[in-house]
Amino acid sequence: MPLSLRPLLSVILLLSTLLLNACSSYPMGMSEKEWKALPPDKRAELLKLAAKQKHERELARLRAEEAEARARAEIETARQQALARLYGRLRYGEMLSLSVEGGEGYFYRYRPIMPDSWLLTIGSTRRLQLRSDRGEVIDLWARYTPGKLLLCSEKPERDEYEPKACTVLIDHFWDRGERKRISVPRPWNRKKPLLRNVTVWLRYPPVRSRHCD
């Protein structure tokens, strides 16, 4: 065998060994018998081709992820613009800032909840997701109507709600901010409320004044 071919054969054997150790399949879906029947130069060619195809697949995956990220960014931008237009039409008191901190939530067992905050528009019912210190998620339903906020363990109906599932907060000092410690019951298990000893902070955020009606 010519000396010049020995390094090439060594590289081919090393690549083949690595490939076989990495997975049980061979390039181009070949069987072990087909692969071993190939001459060394053909094996090298197929390994090179397989590496090229893998590289192209990786590039395609990265391009798809980039396109998806751009689409998500465009959707988020459109959402923020829509919210800005909505908030621009709201008067003072038609939007409520709700923040939660401290206390525990029932994530199949009680865990500390992570602080979070939301903006609620008047007349809206929203599902709020609370997370534990370990990333577990529970749902809390909030309905903001003039002078009243419902925090419920189940979604309230349009014109009524289940008192055994909700805590009702009444507007006394939301114009300057009001802090309360609350629990949110669960009607199917009154001994284990959805939230317990959670501090909520409620206030009307400032909105841009309008000079005409």
Protein backbone atom coordinates (compact mmCIF):
# COMPACT_ATOMS: atom_id res chain seq x y z
CA MET A 1 0.00 0.00 0.00
CA PRO A 2 1.42 3.45 -0.88
CA LEU A 3 2.53 5.48 2.10
CA SER A 4 0.40 8.42 1.03
CA LEU A 5 -2.77 6.39 1.53
CA ARG A 6 -2.02 5.32 5.09
CA PRO A 7 -2.92 8.64 6.76
CA LEU A 8 -6.13 8.76 4.75
CA LEU A 9 -7.07 5.26 5.81
CA SER A 10 -6.34 6.10 9.44
CA VAL A 11 -8.64 9.12 9.26
CA ILE A 12 -11.36 7.06 7.59
CA LEU A 13 -11.11 4.35 10.23
CA LEU A 14 -11.23 6.94 13.03
CA LEU A 15 -14.27 8.68 11.54
CA SER A 16 -15.97 5.36 11.02
CA THR A 17 -15.34 4.37 14.62
CA LEU A 18 -16.69 7.66 15.93
CA LEU A 19 -19.72 7.38 13.72
CA LEU A 20 -20.48 3.85 14.81
CA ASN A 21 -20.05 4.77 18.45
CA ALA A 22 -22.33 7.77 18.10
CA CYS A 23 -25.26 5.87 16.66
CA SER A 24 -26.18 2.51 15.26
CA SER A 25 -26.96 3.77 11.74
CA TYR A 26 -24.63 4.41 8.83
CA PRO A 27 -24.52 7.36 6.38
CA MET A 28 -27.36 7.62 3.85
CA GLY A 29 -29.32 4.98 5.74
CA MET A 30 -26.96 2.23 4.69
CA SER A 31 -26.80 -1.07 6.49
CA GLU A 32 -23.66 -2.32 8.19
CA LYS A 33 -23.13 -4.82 5.40
CA GLU A 34 -23.44 -2.15 2.70
CA TRP A 35 -21.13 0.20 4.56
CA LYS A 36 -18.41 -2.36 5.09
CA ALA A 37 -18.59 -3.36 1.42
CA LEU A 38 -17.58 0.14 0.30
CA PRO A 39 -13.98 1.01 -0.54
CA PRO A 40 -12.25 3.50 1.78
CA ASP A 41 -12.40 6.40 -0.67
CA LYS A 42 -16.17 5.94 -1.10
CA ARG A 43 -16.63 5.86 2.66
CA ALA A 44 -14.72 9.14 2.96
CA GLU A 45 -16.90 10.68 0.27
CA LEU A 46 -20.10 9.58 1.99
CA LEU A 47 -18.91 10.81 5.38
CA LYS A 48 -18.13 14.18 3.85
CA LEU A 49 -21.55 14.29 2.20
CA ALA A 50 -23.27 13.27 5.43
CA ALA A 51 -21.43 16.03 7.32
CA LYS A 52 -22.51 18.56 4.68
CA GLN A 53 -26.13 17.48 4.93
CA LYS A 54 -26.02 17.69 8.71
CA HIS A 55 -24.59 21.20 8.45
CA GLU A 56 -27.34 22.22 6.01
CA ARG A 57 -30.01 20.80 8.33
CA GLU A 58 -28.55 22.75 11.24
CA LEU A 59 -28.56 25.95 9.17
CA ALA A 60 -32.16 25.32 8.18
CA ARG A 61 -33.10 24.78 11.82
CA LEU A 62 -31.38 28.01 12.87
CA ARG A 63 -33.09 29.93 10.06
CA ALA A 64 -36.47 28.52 11.10
CA GLU A 65 -35.85 29.50 14.74
CA GLU A 66 -34.80 32.97 13.65
CA ALA A 67 -37.94 33.35 11.52
CA GLU A 68 -40.09 32.14 14.41
CA ALA A 69 -38.41 34.61 16.78
CA ARG A 70 -39.03 37.45 14.31
CA ALA A 71 -42.69 36.44 14.01
CA ARG A 72 -43.07 36.35 17.80
CA ALA A 73 -41.42 39.77 18.07
CA GLU A 74 -43.78 41.20 15.43
CA ILE A 75 -46.80 39.74 17.24
CA GLU A 76 -45.61 41.16 20.56
CA THR A 77 -45.01 44.57 18.96
CA ALA A 78 -48.51 44.54 17.49
CA ARG A 79 -49.93 43.53 20.88
CA GLN A 80 -48.09 46.33 22.66
CA GLN A 81 -49.27 48.85 20.07
CA ALA A 82 -52.86 47.65 20.48
CA LEU A 83 -52.56 47.95 24.26
CA ALA A 84 -51.10 51.43 23.91
CA ARG A 85 -54.06 52.49 21.76
CA LEU A 86 -56.46 50.96 24.27
CA TYR A 87 -54.80 52.57 27.28
CA GLY A 88 -54.70 55.88 25.41
CA ARG A 89 -58.51 55.86 25.37
CA LEU A 90 -58.93 54.99 29.06
CA ARG A 91 -59.85 57.54 31.69
CA TYR A 92 -58.52 57.65 35.22
CA GLY A 93 -59.88 54.70 37.22
CA GLU A 94 -60.68 52.61 34.15
CA MET A 95 -57.42 50.70 34.58
CA LEU A 96 -56.26 48.95 37.74
CA SER A 97 -52.75 47.86 38.66
CA LEU A 98 -52.67 44.60 40.63
CA SER A 99 -49.48 43.28 42.25
CA VAL A 100 -49.08 40.15 44.39
CA GLU A 101 -46.25 39.15 46.67
CA GLY A 102 -45.56 36.89 49.63
CA GLY A 103 -47.84 34.16 50.85
CA GLU A 104 -48.39 30.72 49.38
CA GLY A 105 -50.33 29.06 46.58
CA TYR A 106 -51.70 25.55 46.44
CA PHE A 107 -49.62 23.80 43.75
CA TYR A 108 -50.90 20.35 44.84
CA ARG A 109 -49.12 21.37 48.01
CA TYR A 110 -48.40 24.83 49.36
CA ARG A 111 -45.42 26.61 47.89
CA PRO A 112 -44.27 30.27 48.12
CA ILE A 113 -45.47 32.28 45.15
CA MET A 114 -43.26 34.55 43.07
CA PRO A 115 -44.12 38.29 42.94
CA ASP A 116 -45.98 39.41 39.83
CA SER A 117 -48.15 42.26 38.56
CA TRP A 118 -50.80 42.96 35.91
CA LEU A 119 -52.86 45.80 34.47
CA LEU A 120 -56.61 45.18 34.38
CA THR A 121 -59.01 47.21 32.23
CA ILE A 122 -62.47 47.96 33.56
CA GLY A 123 -65.08 45.38 32.61
CA SER A 124 -62.47 42.71 31.92
CA THR A 125 -62.12 39.16 33.21
CA ARG A 126 -58.61 37.75 33.00
CA ARG A 127 -56.84 34.52 33.83
CA LEU A 128 -53.65 35.28 35.73
CA GLN A 129 -50.94 32.67 36.05
CA LEU A 130 -49.06 32.53 39.34
CA ARG A 131 -45.77 30.68 39.65
CA SER A 132 -44.22 28.99 42.64
CA ASP A 133 -40.58 29.33 43.62
CA ARG A 134 -40.03 26.10 41.65
CA GLY A 135 -41.78 27.25 38.47
CA GLU A 136 -45.09 25.44 39.02
CA VAL A 137 -48.17 27.28 37.69
CA ILE A 138 -51.70 27.82 39.00
CA ASP A 139 -54.51 29.92 37.54
CA LEU A 140 -56.16 32.85 39.29
CA TRP A 141 -59.18 34.62 37.75
CA ALA A 142 -59.54 38.38 38.12
CA ARG A 143 -62.59 40.50 37.20
CA TYR A 144 -62.44 44.28 37.47
CA THR A 145 -65.73 46.18 37.52
CA PRO A 146 -66.37 49.74 38.75
CA GLY A 147 -65.24 49.90 42.36
CA LYS A 148 -64.84 46.15 42.74
CA LEU A 149 -62.23 43.47 42.05
CA LEU A 150 -62.92 39.73 42.17
CA LEU A 151 -60.07 37.29 42.67
CA CYS A 152 -61.37 33.77 42.10
CA SER A 153 -60.15 30.18 41.97
CA GLU A 154 -62.59 29.46 39.11
CA LYS A 155 -63.73 31.66 36.23
CA PRO A 156 -66.68 33.88 37.20
CA GLU A 157 -69.66 34.03 34.84
CA ARG A 158 -70.51 37.20 32.95
CA ASP A 159 -73.09 38.54 35.41
CA GLU A 160 -72.51 36.46 38.52
CA TYR A 161 -69.84 34.59 40.45
CA GLU A 162 -69.50 31.82 43.00
CA PRO A 163 -68.93 33.53 46.39
CA LYS A 164 -67.27 30.39 47.76
CA ALA A 165 -64.61 30.65 45.02
CA CYS A 166 -63.88 34.38 45.19
CA THR A 167 -62.46 37.11 47.35
CA VAL A 168 -64.11 40.49 46.79
CA LEU A 169 -62.06 43.67 47.12
CA ILE A 170 -63.86 47.03 47.23
CA ASP A 171 -62.35 50.34 46.12
CA HIS A 172 -61.62 52.50 49.15
CA PHE A 173 -58.17 53.95 48.52
CA TRP A 174 -57.11 52.67 45.11
CA ASP A 175 -56.53 56.22 43.94
CA ARG A 176 -53.49 56.41 46.21
CA GLY A 177 -52.85 52.68 46.53
CA GLU A 178 -54.12 50.09 48.95
CA ARG A 179 -52.29 47.07 50.34
CA LYS A 180 -54.18 44.05 51.67
CA ARG A 181 -53.41 40.53 52.82
CA ILE A 182 -55.90 38.04 51.42
CA SER A 183 -56.73 34.40 50.80
CA VAL A 184 -58.63 33.07 47.77
CA PRO A 185 -60.92 30.10 48.55
CA ARG A 186 -61.62 26.96 46.58
CA PRO A 187 -65.27 25.84 46.81
CA TRP A 188 -64.41 22.15 46.54
CA ASN A 189 -61.90 22.27 49.40
CA ARG A 190 -62.44 25.08 51.88
CA LYS A 191 -59.65 23.85 54.13
CA LYS A 192 -57.06 24.38 51.39
CA PRO A 193 -57.58 27.74 49.68
CA LEU A 194 -55.93 28.47 46.35
CA LEU A 195 -53.98 31.37 47.89
CA ARG A 196 -53.31 32.10 51.53
CA ASN A 197 -51.70 35.08 53.26
CA VAL A 198 -50.90 36.74 49.92
CA THR A 199 -50.29 40.49 49.90
CA VAL A 200 -51.97 42.40 47.08
CA TRP A 201 -51.23 45.98 46.11
CA LEU A 202 -54.00 47.80 44.24
CA ARG A 203 -53.88 51.24 42.68
CA TYR A 204 -55.11 53.28 39.78
CA PRO A 205 -52.09 53.95 37.58
CA PRO A 206 -51.82 57.46 36.14
CA VAL A 207 -53.20 57.83 32.63
CA ARG A 208 -52.67 60.65 30.19
CA SER A 209 -55.36 63.27 30.63
CA ARG A 210 -57.56 64.16 27.68
CA HIS A 211 -58.80 67.68 26.98
CA CYS A 212 -61.94 66.66 25.13
CA ASP A 213 -64.68 64.04 25.52
